Amino acid sequence: MALVVQKYGGSSVSDIEAMRRVARRVVATREAGNTVVVVVSAMGDTTDELLDMAGALTTSPSAREMDILLSAGERISMALLAMAVGELGVPAQAYTGAQAGVLTDSRYGRASIVGVLPERVARAVQAGAVAIVAGFQGINEVEDVTTLGRGGSDTTAVALAAALNADVCEIYTDVDGLFTADPRIVPTARRIEALSSEETLELAAHGAKILHLRAVEYARRFGVPLHVRSSFSDRTGTWIYDGTRRDVFVPPMVAAGLDDVVAADAAAPADSTALAAGSAAGGPVPATRSGRPVLDEAPTADVVDTAHRHAIATRAQARPRPSAKEDPVEAPVISGIAHDRSQDKITLVGVPDVPGAAARIFAIVAGAGTNIDMIVQDVSAEGTGLTNISFTCPDGDSASARAALEAAQAELGFRSLHFDPRIGKLSLVGAGMRSHPGVSARFFSALSEAGINIHMISTSEIRLSVVVDDGVLDEAVRAVHSAFGLDAEDTEAVVYGGTGR
């Protein structure tokens, strides 16, 4: 029996019929022999409606009172879902974030989890009930309600999974997992069967909105296997795992196609590559994180090695084949493409090119509460001693960054500030970026052939990002997706919309 934490976003619990559908899935998971803990977001437009009501009363609400108000949406969801599950004959108990033991700091509206003590949740599931927890919220050291900000419900689910030593954390949304690109832009985008936590972090950080960055960070830190899937179908989604961990290698093997259910016993041949894969209806697959193997006996080292190699080979079959000129052994594996329109670019023109100038600039930006993504400094113009520094930041932070820099212009000594909100970021994510020069050549050639100019470039071991004009971003995504052979031969209709919080 596996301990499964399931998170349902706002689109999955958007109305009463959706709530019933989720309840049936929760009950089916439990009837398959699993222990179930559920985390829910607010229904549909509930949060926007609460914000509108607050705005009708005041233009400067207390941050403390706003957190109390906005936490109500998830409380409504948890109570209704508990009722829906109970109506199907399964006992269920609802808990607020505070009752579930989610402890946070005191940054209202964007609190961070500092600890989880899920005693009441543990007692409920031990007694045979389904525990349903309100996401996006916790309680601080003075017992005030706090909300966790963007990605809060995903983070709540992962934190509970870690604290409860769950076998898997299932993130239910309105799409069938993570795709090689946004299917709204690239209709031929493929669903990605399995990703490492590092690859997922890069995708989440550079525009993929299905799973939030802080939740992936938490999962990687505490070794929680994630399964991102749709609440509208029984299809297998995308498994996110650390391939170096033996105790969580089962999910990626199943996701890679090893879903043949076999009778396994102590006499099974050492080269067997099939593992029991859960219910035929797409139910959760028990991993071995808490010491419960899916074989009747713990797999031998040979079984593990053979199955792992088969999983890798299966995954590679879905990747573009290297040409004869490329290294067939160490060919780069491209995971997917992310894009982001939620950033602005700020350029400081005529910055004194002296030691410490950049440090002073970004200290001021940090003091304004602005997060920085990409930074480019030009070569100093000959004979002037001046350079230009450009950076991108979230569009919600750009106004405060601009104001702080303009106020410090005399101190910093730059000539002018240019602001560009009409940019888009495109990121290619996968293994072997820096060790394969052909990757960047193909990437830039695809953009060049599409007539797309590049403003900024940033690289890492598994990611290559560029900034382009917002108006050509969709075209850039399609061009690069096709250039790397990521288009699917056969596509299925997928739902693609908001993910709740």
Protein backbone atom coordinates (compact mmCIF):
# COMPACT_ATOMS: atom_id res chain seq x y z
CA MET A 1 0.00 0.00 0.00
CA ALA A 2 1.35 3.41 -0.99
CA LEU A 3 0.91 6.75 0.71
CA VAL A 4 -0.18 9.16 -2.01
CA VAL A 5 -0.47 12.94 -1.74
CA GLN A 6 -2.66 14.45 -4.47
CA LYS A 7 -2.94 18.14 -5.30
CA TYR A 8 -5.83 19.53 -7.34
CA GLY A 9 -5.60 22.99 -8.85
CA GLY A 10 -8.36 25.52 -9.31
CA SER A 11 -9.34 24.28 -12.77
CA SER A 12 -9.76 20.75 -11.38
CA VAL A 13 -12.25 21.90 -8.71
CA SER A 14 -13.84 24.73 -10.67
CA ASP A 15 -17.46 23.83 -9.94
CA ILE A 16 -19.63 21.25 -8.20
CA GLU A 17 -19.47 18.71 -11.03
CA ALA A 18 -15.68 19.06 -11.13
CA MET A 19 -15.64 18.55 -7.36
CA ARG A 20 -17.61 15.30 -7.79
CA ARG A 21 -15.17 14.14 -10.47
CA VAL A 22 -12.21 14.77 -8.16
CA ALA A 23 -13.99 12.97 -5.32
CA ARG A 24 -14.46 9.90 -7.50
CA ARG A 25 -10.76 9.91 -8.37
CA VAL A 26 -9.78 10.25 -4.72
CA VAL A 27 -12.05 7.36 -3.74
CA ALA A 28 -10.74 5.20 -6.60
CA THR A 29 -7.17 5.83 -5.45
CA ARG A 30 -8.09 4.78 -1.93
CA GLU A 31 -10.02 1.70 -3.08
CA ALA A 32 -6.91 0.64 -5.02
CA GLY A 33 -5.32 0.10 -1.60
CA ASN A 34 -3.58 3.44 -1.08
CA THR A 35 -3.57 5.89 1.80
CA VAL A 36 -4.59 9.30 0.45
CA VAL A 37 -3.94 12.89 1.49
CA VAL A 38 -5.38 15.63 -0.74
CA VAL A 39 -4.40 19.30 -1.12
CA VAL A 40 -6.82 21.63 -2.91
CA SER A 41 -6.73 25.12 -4.41
CA ALA A 42 -9.62 27.59 -4.47
CA MET A 43 -12.46 26.95 -6.90
CA GLY A 44 -12.32 28.73 -10.24
CA ASP A 45 -12.53 32.52 -9.86
CA THR A 46 -13.02 32.54 -6.08
CA THR A 47 -9.76 34.36 -5.37
CA ASP A 48 -10.46 37.06 -7.96
CA GLU A 49 -13.91 37.58 -6.48
CA LEU A 50 -12.44 37.99 -3.00
CA LEU A 51 -9.90 40.50 -4.31
CA ASP A 52 -12.69 42.46 -6.02
CA MET A 53 -14.67 42.63 -2.80
CA ALA A 54 -11.64 43.86 -0.86
CA GLY A 55 -10.95 46.45 -3.56
CA ALA A 56 -14.50 47.74 -3.32
CA LEU A 57 -13.94 48.50 0.36
CA THR A 58 -10.39 49.86 0.49
CA THR A 59 -7.42 50.75 -1.66
CA SER A 60 -4.92 49.90 1.08
CA PRO A 61 -6.00 46.74 2.89
CA SER A 62 -3.99 45.33 5.77
CA ALA A 63 -1.69 42.54 4.59
CA ARG A 64 -2.72 40.47 7.59
CA GLU A 65 -6.43 40.82 6.86
CA MET A 66 -5.88 40.09 3.17
CA ASP A 67 -4.23 36.78 4.04
CA ILE A 68 -7.18 35.84 6.22
CA LEU A 69 -9.53 36.76 3.39
CA LEU A 70 -7.65 34.99 0.57
CA SER A 71 -7.21 31.80 2.57
CA ALA A 72 -11.01 31.40 2.53
CA GLY A 73 -11.06 30.11 -1.06
CA GLU A 74 -9.10 26.98 -0.23
CA ARG A 75 -11.16 26.44 2.92
CA ILE A 76 -14.31 26.37 0.83
CA SER A 77 -12.75 23.80 -1.50
CA MET A 78 -11.51 21.53 1.28
CA ALA A 79 -14.88 21.43 3.00
CA LEU A 80 -16.85 20.77 -0.18
CA LEU A 81 -14.47 18.05 -1.33
CA ALA A 82 -14.67 16.35 2.09
CA MET A 83 -18.44 16.34 1.73
CA ALA A 84 -18.23 14.94 -1.81
CA VAL A 85 -15.87 12.14 -0.74
CA GLY A 86 -18.08 11.36 2.26
CA GLU A 87 -21.11 11.13 -0.01
CA LEU A 88 -19.32 8.27 -1.83
CA GLY A 89 -19.09 6.32 1.41
CA VAL A 90 -15.49 7.10 2.34
CA PRO A 91 -14.72 9.01 5.55
CA ALA A 92 -12.95 12.32 4.94
CA GLN A 93 -11.77 15.13 7.19
CA ALA A 94 -10.88 18.65 6.08
CA TYR A 95 -8.03 20.70 7.58
CA THR A 96 -6.86 24.26 7.16
CA GLY A 97 -3.17 24.84 6.64
CA ALA A 98 -2.80 25.69 10.31
CA GLN A 99 -4.64 22.53 11.41
CA ALA A 100 -2.45 20.49 9.07
CA GLY A 101 0.66 21.87 10.80
CA VAL A 102 2.01 24.06 7.97
CA LEU A 103 4.28 26.54 9.76
CA THR A 104 5.50 29.66 7.96
CA ASP A 105 7.39 32.89 8.45
CA SER A 106 5.49 36.19 8.75
CA ARG A 107 5.75 37.59 5.23
CA TYR A 108 2.06 38.06 4.56
CA GLY A 109 1.08 37.31 0.99
CA ARG A 110 4.32 35.49 0.16
CA ALA A 111 5.18 33.45 3.23
CA SER A 112 7.70 30.59 3.13
CA ILE A 113 7.22 27.25 4.85
CA VAL A 114 9.60 26.83 7.77
CA GLY A 115 8.30 23.48 8.99
CA VAL A 116 5.46 20.98 8.78
CA LEU A 117 4.03 19.08 11.76
CA PRO A 118 1.16 17.07 10.23
CA GLU A 119 0.06 15.26 13.40
CA ARG A 120 -3.69 15.62 12.82
CA VAL A 121 -3.35 14.58 9.18
CA ALA A 122 -1.35 11.50 10.17
CA ARG A 123 -3.92 10.52 12.81
CA ALA A 124 -6.76 10.92 10.31
CA VAL A 125 -5.22 8.64 7.66
CA GLN A 126 -4.17 6.10 10.29
CA ALA A 127 -7.83 5.95 11.31
CA GLY A 128 -8.80 5.17 7.72
CA ALA A 129 -10.00 8.59 6.57
CA VAL A 130 -8.95 10.68 3.59
CA ALA A 131 -7.32 13.90 4.85
CA ILE A 132 -8.12 16.96 2.73
CA VAL A 133 -5.92 20.01 3.32
CA ALA A 134 -6.39 23.61 2.19
CA GLY A 135 -3.41 24.61 0.07
CA PHE A 136 -1.72 28.00 -0.26
CA GLN A 137 -1.77 28.77 3.47
CA GLY A 138 -0.17 28.19 6.85
CA ILE A 139 0.28 29.80 10.24
CA ASN A 140 3.12 31.95 11.56
CA GLU A 141 4.81 32.19 14.95
CA VAL A 142 2.11 34.51 16.36
CA GLU A 143 -0.64 32.18 15.09
CA ASP A 144 -1.76 34.46 12.26
CA VAL A 145 -2.96 32.94 8.99
CA THR A 146 -0.48 33.45 6.13
CA THR A 147 -0.67 32.75 2.42
CA LEU A 148 2.22 31.31 0.42
CA GLY A 149 1.97 33.29 -2.80
CA ARG A 150 2.53 31.91 -6.29
CA GLY A 151 2.72 28.13 -6.40
CA GLY A 152 1.53 27.91 -2.82
CA SER A 153 -0.75 24.89 -3.18
CA ASP A 154 1.87 22.90 -5.11
CA THR A 155 4.37 23.72 -2.40
CA THR A 156 1.91 22.73 0.34
CA ALA A 157 1.41 19.34 -1.30
CA VAL A 158 5.14 18.66 -1.68
CA ALA A 159 5.84 19.79 1.88
CA LEU A 160 3.17 17.46 3.25
CA ALA A 161 4.48 14.60 1.10
CA ALA A 162 7.96 15.14 2.49
CA ALA A 163 6.76 15.38 6.10
CA LEU A 164 4.59 12.26 5.77
CA ASN A 165 7.29 10.31 3.88
CA ALA A 166 4.80 9.78 1.03
CA ASP A 167 5.61 7.49 -1.88
CA VAL A 168 4.54 10.02 -4.50
CA CYS A 169 3.09 13.50 -4.80
CA GLU A 170 0.63 13.71 -7.70
CA ILE A 171 0.05 17.21 -9.08
CA TYR A 172 -3.27 17.22 -10.92
CA THR A 173 -3.93 19.96 -13.43
CA ASP A 174 -5.81 20.42 -16.70
CA VAL A 175 -3.14 18.98 -19.04
CA ASP A 176 -1.61 15.52 -19.42
CA GLY A 177 1.75 16.47 -17.95
CA LEU A 178 4.64 18.60 -19.19
CA PHE A 179 5.11 18.99 -22.93
CA THR A 180 8.09 19.73 -25.15
CA ALA A 181 6.46 23.13 -25.77
CA ASP A 182 3.18 24.89 -25.06
CA PRO A 183 0.58 22.93 -27.12
CA ARG A 184 -1.33 26.16 -27.69
CA ILE A 185 1.65 27.42 -29.71
CA VAL A 186 3.02 24.11 -31.03
CA PRO A 187 0.13 21.70 -31.73
CA THR A 188 2.64 18.90 -32.40
CA ALA A 189 4.28 19.19 -28.98
CA ARG A 190 4.95 15.85 -27.28
CA ARG A 191 4.21 14.93 -23.70
CA ILE A 192 7.45 14.41 -21.79
CA GLU A 193 7.37 11.04 -20.04
CA ALA A 194 10.07 11.67 -17.44
CA LEU A 195 12.36 14.48 -16.36
CA SER A 196 15.06 14.96 -13.78
CA SER A 197 14.41 17.53 -11.08
CA GLU A 198 17.17 19.71 -12.54
CA GLU A 199 15.58 19.74 -15.99
CA THR A 200 12.20 20.53 -14.44
CA LEU A 201 13.68 23.38 -12.43
CA GLU A 202 15.06 24.92 -15.61
CA LEU A 203 11.73 24.57 -17.42
CA ALA A 204 9.80 26.00 -14.47
CA ALA A 205 12.25 28.87 -14.04
CA HIS A 206 12.11 29.82 -17.71
CA GLY A 207 8.42 29.89 -18.47
CA ALA A 208 6.78 26.47 -18.06
CA LYS A 209 3.76 27.26 -15.88
CA ILE A 210 2.34 23.81 -15.15
CA LEU A 211 4.54 23.22 -12.10
CA HIS A 212 5.91 25.95 -9.90
CA LEU A 213 9.61 26.45 -9.25
CA ARG A 214 9.46 26.50 -5.46
CA ALA A 215 7.54 23.20 -5.38
CA VAL A 216 10.15 21.53 -7.59
CA GLU A 217 12.94 22.91 -5.38
CA TYR A 218 11.22 21.48 -2.30
CA ALA A 219 10.71 18.10 -3.99
CA ARG A 220 14.36 17.89 -5.04
CA ARG A 221 15.59 18.90 -1.60
CA PHE A 222 13.56 16.21 0.17
CA GLY A 223 13.57 13.51 -2.52
CA VAL A 224 9.83 13.54 -3.23
CA PRO A 225 8.87 11.86 -6.54
CA LEU A 226 6.38 14.01 -8.49
CA HIS A 227 3.80 12.91 -11.03
CA VAL A 228 2.20 15.74 -13.02
CA ARG A 229 -1.02 14.56 -14.68
CA SER A 230 -4.50 15.59 -15.76
CA SER A 231 -7.54 15.38 -13.51
CA PHE A 232 -9.65 15.04 -16.68
CA SER A 233 -8.17 11.73 -17.91
CA ASP A 234 -6.51 8.55 -16.64
CA ARG A 235 -3.42 8.94 -18.83
CA THR A 236 0.03 8.70 -17.34
CA GLY A 237 1.51 12.18 -17.06
CA THR A 238 5.09 13.31 -16.52
CA TRP A 239 7.24 11.78 -13.79
CA ILE A 240 9.82 14.04 -12.17
CA TYR A 241 12.56 12.22 -10.35
CA ASP A 242 16.22 12.22 -9.48
CA GLY A 243 17.67 9.47 -11.65
CA THR A 244 20.59 8.99 -9.26
CA ARG A 245 18.33 7.76 -6.46
CA ARG A 246 17.70 4.00 -6.48
CA ASP A 247 14.63 4.32 -4.27
CA VAL A 248 12.70 6.49 -6.73
CA PHE A 249 13.76 4.89 -10.01
CA VAL A 250 10.52 2.87 -10.36
CA PRO A 251 8.26 5.77 -11.48
CA PRO A 252 10.46 6.85 -14.39
CA MET A 253 10.66 3.27 -15.61
CA VAL A 254 6.89 3.03 -15.63
CA ALA A 255 6.64 6.41 -17.35
CA ALA A 256 9.15 5.26 -19.96
CA GLY A 257 6.85 2.43 -21.03
CA LEU A 258 7.61 -0.44 -18.64
CA ASP A 259 3.96 -0.86 -17.70
CA ASP A 260 3.59 -4.59 -18.27
CA VAL A 261 2.11 -6.15 -15.15
CA VAL A 262 3.82 -9.46 -14.39
CA ALA A 263 3.85 -11.97 -11.64
CA ALA A 264 7.19 -11.50 -9.92
CA ASP A 265 8.60 -13.83 -7.31
CA ALA A 266 11.93 -14.76 -5.84
CA ALA A 267 12.61 -17.06 -8.78
CA ALA A 268 12.17 -14.31 -11.38
CA PRO A 269 15.09 -14.18 -13.84
CA ALA A 270 17.70 -11.58 -13.08
CA ASP A 271 17.33 -9.94 -16.49
CA SER A 272 13.60 -9.26 -16.11
CA THR A 273 12.69 -5.72 -17.13
CA ALA A 274 9.01 -5.58 -16.24
CA LEU A 275 7.71 -4.35 -12.91
CA ALA A 276 4.20 -4.29 -11.51
CA ALA A 277 2.80 -0.93 -12.49
CA GLY A 278 -0.28 -0.24 -10.41
CA SER A 279 -3.86 -0.37 -11.54
CA ALA A 280 -4.77 -0.72 -15.20
CA ALA A 281 -6.98 2.35 -14.83
CA GLY A 282 -3.99 4.62 -14.41
CA GLY A 283 -3.89 4.61 -10.62
CA PRO A 284 -0.82 5.75 -8.69
CA VAL A 285 2.24 3.55 -8.94
CA PRO A 286 3.77 2.60 -5.59
CA ALA A 287 7.40 3.66 -5.46
CA THR A 288 9.90 2.33 -2.94
CA ARG A 289 10.68 5.52 -1.06
CA SER A 290 9.23 4.19 2.20
CA GLY A 291 10.70 0.73 1.78
CA ARG A 292 7.77 -0.99 0.00
CA PRO A 293 9.13 -2.59 -3.23
CA VAL A 294 6.74 -3.32 -6.10
CA LEU A 295 8.31 -6.74 -6.61
CA ASP A 296 7.46 -9.59 -4.22
CA GLU A 297 11.13 -9.59 -3.31
CA ALA A 298 13.54 -6.66 -3.38
CA PRO A 299 15.02 -6.43 -6.90
CA THR A 300 18.54 -7.68 -7.34
CA ALA A 301 21.29 -5.39 -8.56
CA ASP A 302 21.10 -7.05 -11.99
CA VAL A 303 17.36 -6.43 -12.23
CA VAL A 304 17.83 -2.80 -11.24
CA ASP A 305 20.65 -2.27 -13.71
CA THR A 306 18.87 -3.99 -16.61
CA ALA A 307 15.58 -2.22 -15.99
CA HIS A 308 17.30 1.12 -15.63
CA ARG A 309 19.16 0.67 -18.90
CA HIS A 310 15.94 -0.37 -20.62
CA ALA A 311 14.15 2.70 -19.26
CA ILE A 312 16.88 4.98 -20.57
CA ALA A 313 16.77 3.28 -23.96
CA THR A 314 12.99 3.59 -24.11
CA ARG A 315 13.16 7.26 -23.28
CA ALA A 316 15.87 7.79 -25.90
CA GLN A 317 13.66 6.26 -28.60
CA ALA A 318 11.35 9.25 -28.29
CA ARG A 319 14.23 11.68 -28.75
CA PRO A 320 15.56 12.97 -32.10
CA ARG A 321 18.14 10.60 -33.56
CA PRO A 322 21.67 11.97 -33.97
CA SER A 323 22.94 12.31 -37.52
CA ALA A 324 25.97 10.41 -38.73
CA LYS A 325 28.10 13.47 -38.00
CA GLU A 326 27.02 13.61 -34.38
CA ASP A 327 28.35 11.52 -31.54
CA PRO A 328 25.89 8.58 -31.29
CA VAL A 329 26.84 7.85 -27.70
CA GLU A 330 26.91 11.30 -26.15
CA ALA A 331 24.31 13.02 -28.31
CA PRO A 332 22.49 15.75 -26.36
CA VAL A 333 19.04 14.89 -25.02
CA ILE A 334 16.62 17.79 -25.45
CA SER A 335 13.82 17.79 -22.90
CA GLY A 336 11.70 20.66 -24.13
CA ILE A 337 11.22 24.35 -24.77
CA ALA A 338 9.90 26.93 -22.33
CA HIS A 339 8.81 30.46 -23.10
CA ASP A 340 8.01 33.43 -20.90
CA ARG A 341 6.26 36.73 -21.66
CA SER A 342 6.15 37.91 -18.06
CA GLN A 343 9.50 39.75 -18.06
CA ASP A 344 10.70 43.26 -18.88
CA LYS A 345 14.16 44.45 -19.94
CA ILE A 346 15.98 47.40 -18.36
CA THR A 347 19.14 48.81 -19.92
CA LEU A 348 21.46 51.29 -18.25
CA VAL A 349 23.36 53.23 -20.93
CA GLY A 350 26.76 54.80 -20.26
CA VAL A 351 27.67 53.05 -17.02
CA PRO A 352 31.21 53.79 -15.76
CA ASP A 353 33.24 50.67 -16.53
CA VAL A 354 34.99 50.42 -13.16
CA PRO A 355 35.22 47.74 -10.49
CA GLY A 356 32.18 47.71 -8.21
CA ALA A 357 29.80 49.46 -10.62
CA ALA A 358 27.69 46.36 -11.27
CA ALA A 359 27.72 45.49 -7.58
CA ARG A 360 26.25 48.89 -6.68
CA ILE A 361 23.62 48.65 -9.41
CA PHE A 362 22.33 45.27 -8.38
CA ALA A 363 22.48 46.06 -4.69
CA ILE A 364 20.01 48.87 -5.41
CA VAL A 365 17.87 46.55 -7.52
CA ALA A 366 17.87 43.94 -4.76
CA GLY A 367 16.95 46.60 -2.23
CA ALA A 368 13.87 47.33 -4.33
CA GLY A 369 12.78 43.70 -3.92
CA THR A 370 13.42 42.82 -7.57
CA ASN A 371 14.51 39.40 -8.77
CA ILE A 372 16.93 39.34 -11.70
CA ASP A 373 16.98 36.72 -14.44
CA MET A 374 19.40 37.46 -17.32
CA ILE A 375 22.23 40.03 -17.25
CA VAL A 376 24.37 41.23 -20.18
CA GLN A 377 27.21 43.77 -19.97
CA ASP A 378 28.58 45.19 -23.21
CA VAL A 379 32.28 45.60 -23.95
CA SER A 380 33.46 49.02 -22.84
CA ALA A 381 33.28 51.51 -25.71
CA GLU A 382 36.86 52.31 -26.75
CA GLY A 383 38.16 55.54 -25.30
CA THR A 384 35.02 56.30 -23.26
CA GLY A 385 35.40 54.14 -20.18
CA LEU A 386 31.65 53.51 -20.40
CA THR A 387 29.57 50.39 -20.94
CA ASN A 388 25.93 49.34 -21.09
CA ILE A 389 24.31 46.88 -18.69
CA SER A 390 21.00 45.16 -19.50
CA PHE A 391 18.96 42.82 -17.33
CA THR A 392 15.55 41.19 -17.31
CA CYS A 393 13.19 40.97 -14.37
CA PRO A 394 9.55 39.94 -13.73
CA ASP A 395 7.16 42.55 -15.07
CA GLY A 396 5.66 42.93 -11.63
CA ASP A 397 9.05 44.01 -10.26
CA SER A 398 10.21 46.30 -13.06
CA ALA A 399 8.49 49.49 -11.85
CA SER A 400 10.18 49.40 -8.44
CA ALA A 401 13.55 48.57 -10.03
CA ARG A 402 13.27 51.48 -12.47
CA ALA A 403 12.25 53.90 -9.73
CA ALA A 404 15.15 52.86 -7.49
CA LEU A 405 17.72 53.11 -10.30
CA GLU A 406 16.46 56.48 -11.53
CA ALA A 407 16.63 57.83 -7.98
CA ALA A 408 20.27 56.68 -7.77
CA GLN A 409 21.34 57.90 -11.24
CA ALA A 410 23.66 60.57 -9.88
CA GLU A 411 25.32 58.09 -7.53
CA LEU A 412 25.70 55.39 -10.19
CA GLY A 413 26.75 57.79 -12.95
CA PHE A 414 24.93 56.21 -15.89
CA ARG A 415 23.67 58.42 -18.73
CA SER A 416 20.16 57.07 -19.33
CA LEU A 417 17.77 54.21 -18.59
CA HIS A 418 15.90 52.39 -21.35
CA PHE A 419 12.86 50.22 -20.57
CA ASP A 420 11.42 47.54 -22.87
CA PRO A 421 8.31 45.59 -21.80
CA ARG A 422 7.82 44.00 -25.22
CA ILE A 423 10.18 41.07 -24.87
CA GLY A 424 9.85 37.31 -24.65
CA LYS A 425 12.24 34.66 -23.40
CA LEU A 426 12.80 31.33 -25.13
CA SER A 427 14.68 28.52 -23.35
CA LEU A 428 15.90 25.19 -24.70
CA VAL A 429 16.35 22.69 -21.85
CA GLY A 430 18.16 19.36 -21.88
CA ALA A 431 21.40 17.52 -21.16
CA GLY A 432 24.64 18.26 -22.96
CA MET A 433 24.16 21.94 -23.75
CA ARG A 434 27.67 23.15 -23.09
CA SER A 435 29.48 19.98 -24.15
CA HIS A 436 27.84 19.90 -27.60
CA PRO A 437 28.58 22.99 -29.74
CA GLY A 438 26.18 21.71 -32.38
CA VAL A 439 23.26 22.47 -30.08
CA SER A 440 23.82 26.21 -30.05
CA ALA A 441 24.58 26.23 -33.78
CA ARG A 442 21.28 24.50 -34.57
CA PHE A 443 19.41 26.72 -32.11
CA PHE A 444 20.70 29.98 -33.57
CA SER A 445 20.35 28.74 -37.14
CA ALA A 446 16.67 27.97 -36.56
CA LEU A 447 16.08 31.49 -35.26
CA SER A 448 18.10 33.05 -38.07
CA GLU A 449 16.21 31.15 -40.76
CA ALA A 450 12.96 32.39 -39.21
CA GLY A 451 14.28 35.97 -39.39
CA ILE A 452 14.29 36.40 -35.61
CA ASN A 453 16.79 38.77 -33.97
CA ILE A 454 18.26 37.98 -30.55
CA HIS A 455 18.65 40.61 -27.82
CA MET A 456 20.31 38.62 -25.02
CA ILE A 457 21.79 35.14 -24.49
CA SER A 458 22.25 33.10 -21.31
CA THR A 459 23.52 29.52 -20.89
CA SER A 460 23.96 26.85 -18.25
CA GLU A 461 24.89 23.16 -18.30
CA ILE A 462 21.35 22.16 -19.31
CA ARG A 463 19.75 25.35 -20.64
CA LEU A 464 20.19 27.85 -23.47
CA SER A 465 18.01 30.98 -23.24
CA VAL A 466 17.53 34.00 -25.49
CA VAL A 467 15.48 37.19 -25.33
CA VAL A 468 13.60 38.18 -28.48
CA ASP A 469 10.83 40.60 -29.41
CA ASP A 470 7.52 39.53 -27.88
CA GLY A 471 5.79 39.69 -31.26
CA VAL A 472 7.91 36.87 -32.71
CA LEU A 473 8.11 34.64 -29.64
CA ASP A 474 5.48 32.13 -30.81
CA GLU A 475 7.21 31.81 -34.17
CA ALA A 476 10.54 31.33 -32.40
CA VAL A 477 9.12 28.52 -30.25
CA ARG A 478 7.78 26.69 -33.31
CA ALA A 479 11.01 27.14 -35.26
CA VAL A 480 13.25 25.75 -32.50
CA HIS A 481 10.81 22.95 -31.62
CA SER A 482 10.87 21.75 -35.23
CA ALA A 483 14.64 22.20 -35.63
CA PHE A 484 15.31 19.78 -32.75
CA GLY A 485 12.88 17.13 -34.00
CA LEU A 486 10.54 17.48 -31.02
CA ASP A 487 7.32 17.41 -33.04
CA ALA A 488 5.10 14.43 -32.33
CA GLU A 489 4.02 12.27 -35.25
CA ASP A 490 0.57 11.78 -33.75
CA THR A 491 -1.04 14.32 -31.46
CA GLU A 492 -3.96 14.05 -29.07
CA ALA A 493 -6.21 16.88 -28.03
CA VAL A 494 -5.05 18.29 -24.72
CA VAL A 495 -6.66 20.78 -22.39
CA TYR A 496 -4.34 23.66 -21.64
CA GLY A 497 -5.35 26.43 -19.29
CA GLY A 498 -4.80 27.83 -15.82
CA THR A 499 -3.28 25.67 -13.14
CA GLY A 500 -4.73 27.16 -10.00
CA ARG A 501 -2.21 28.02 -7.39
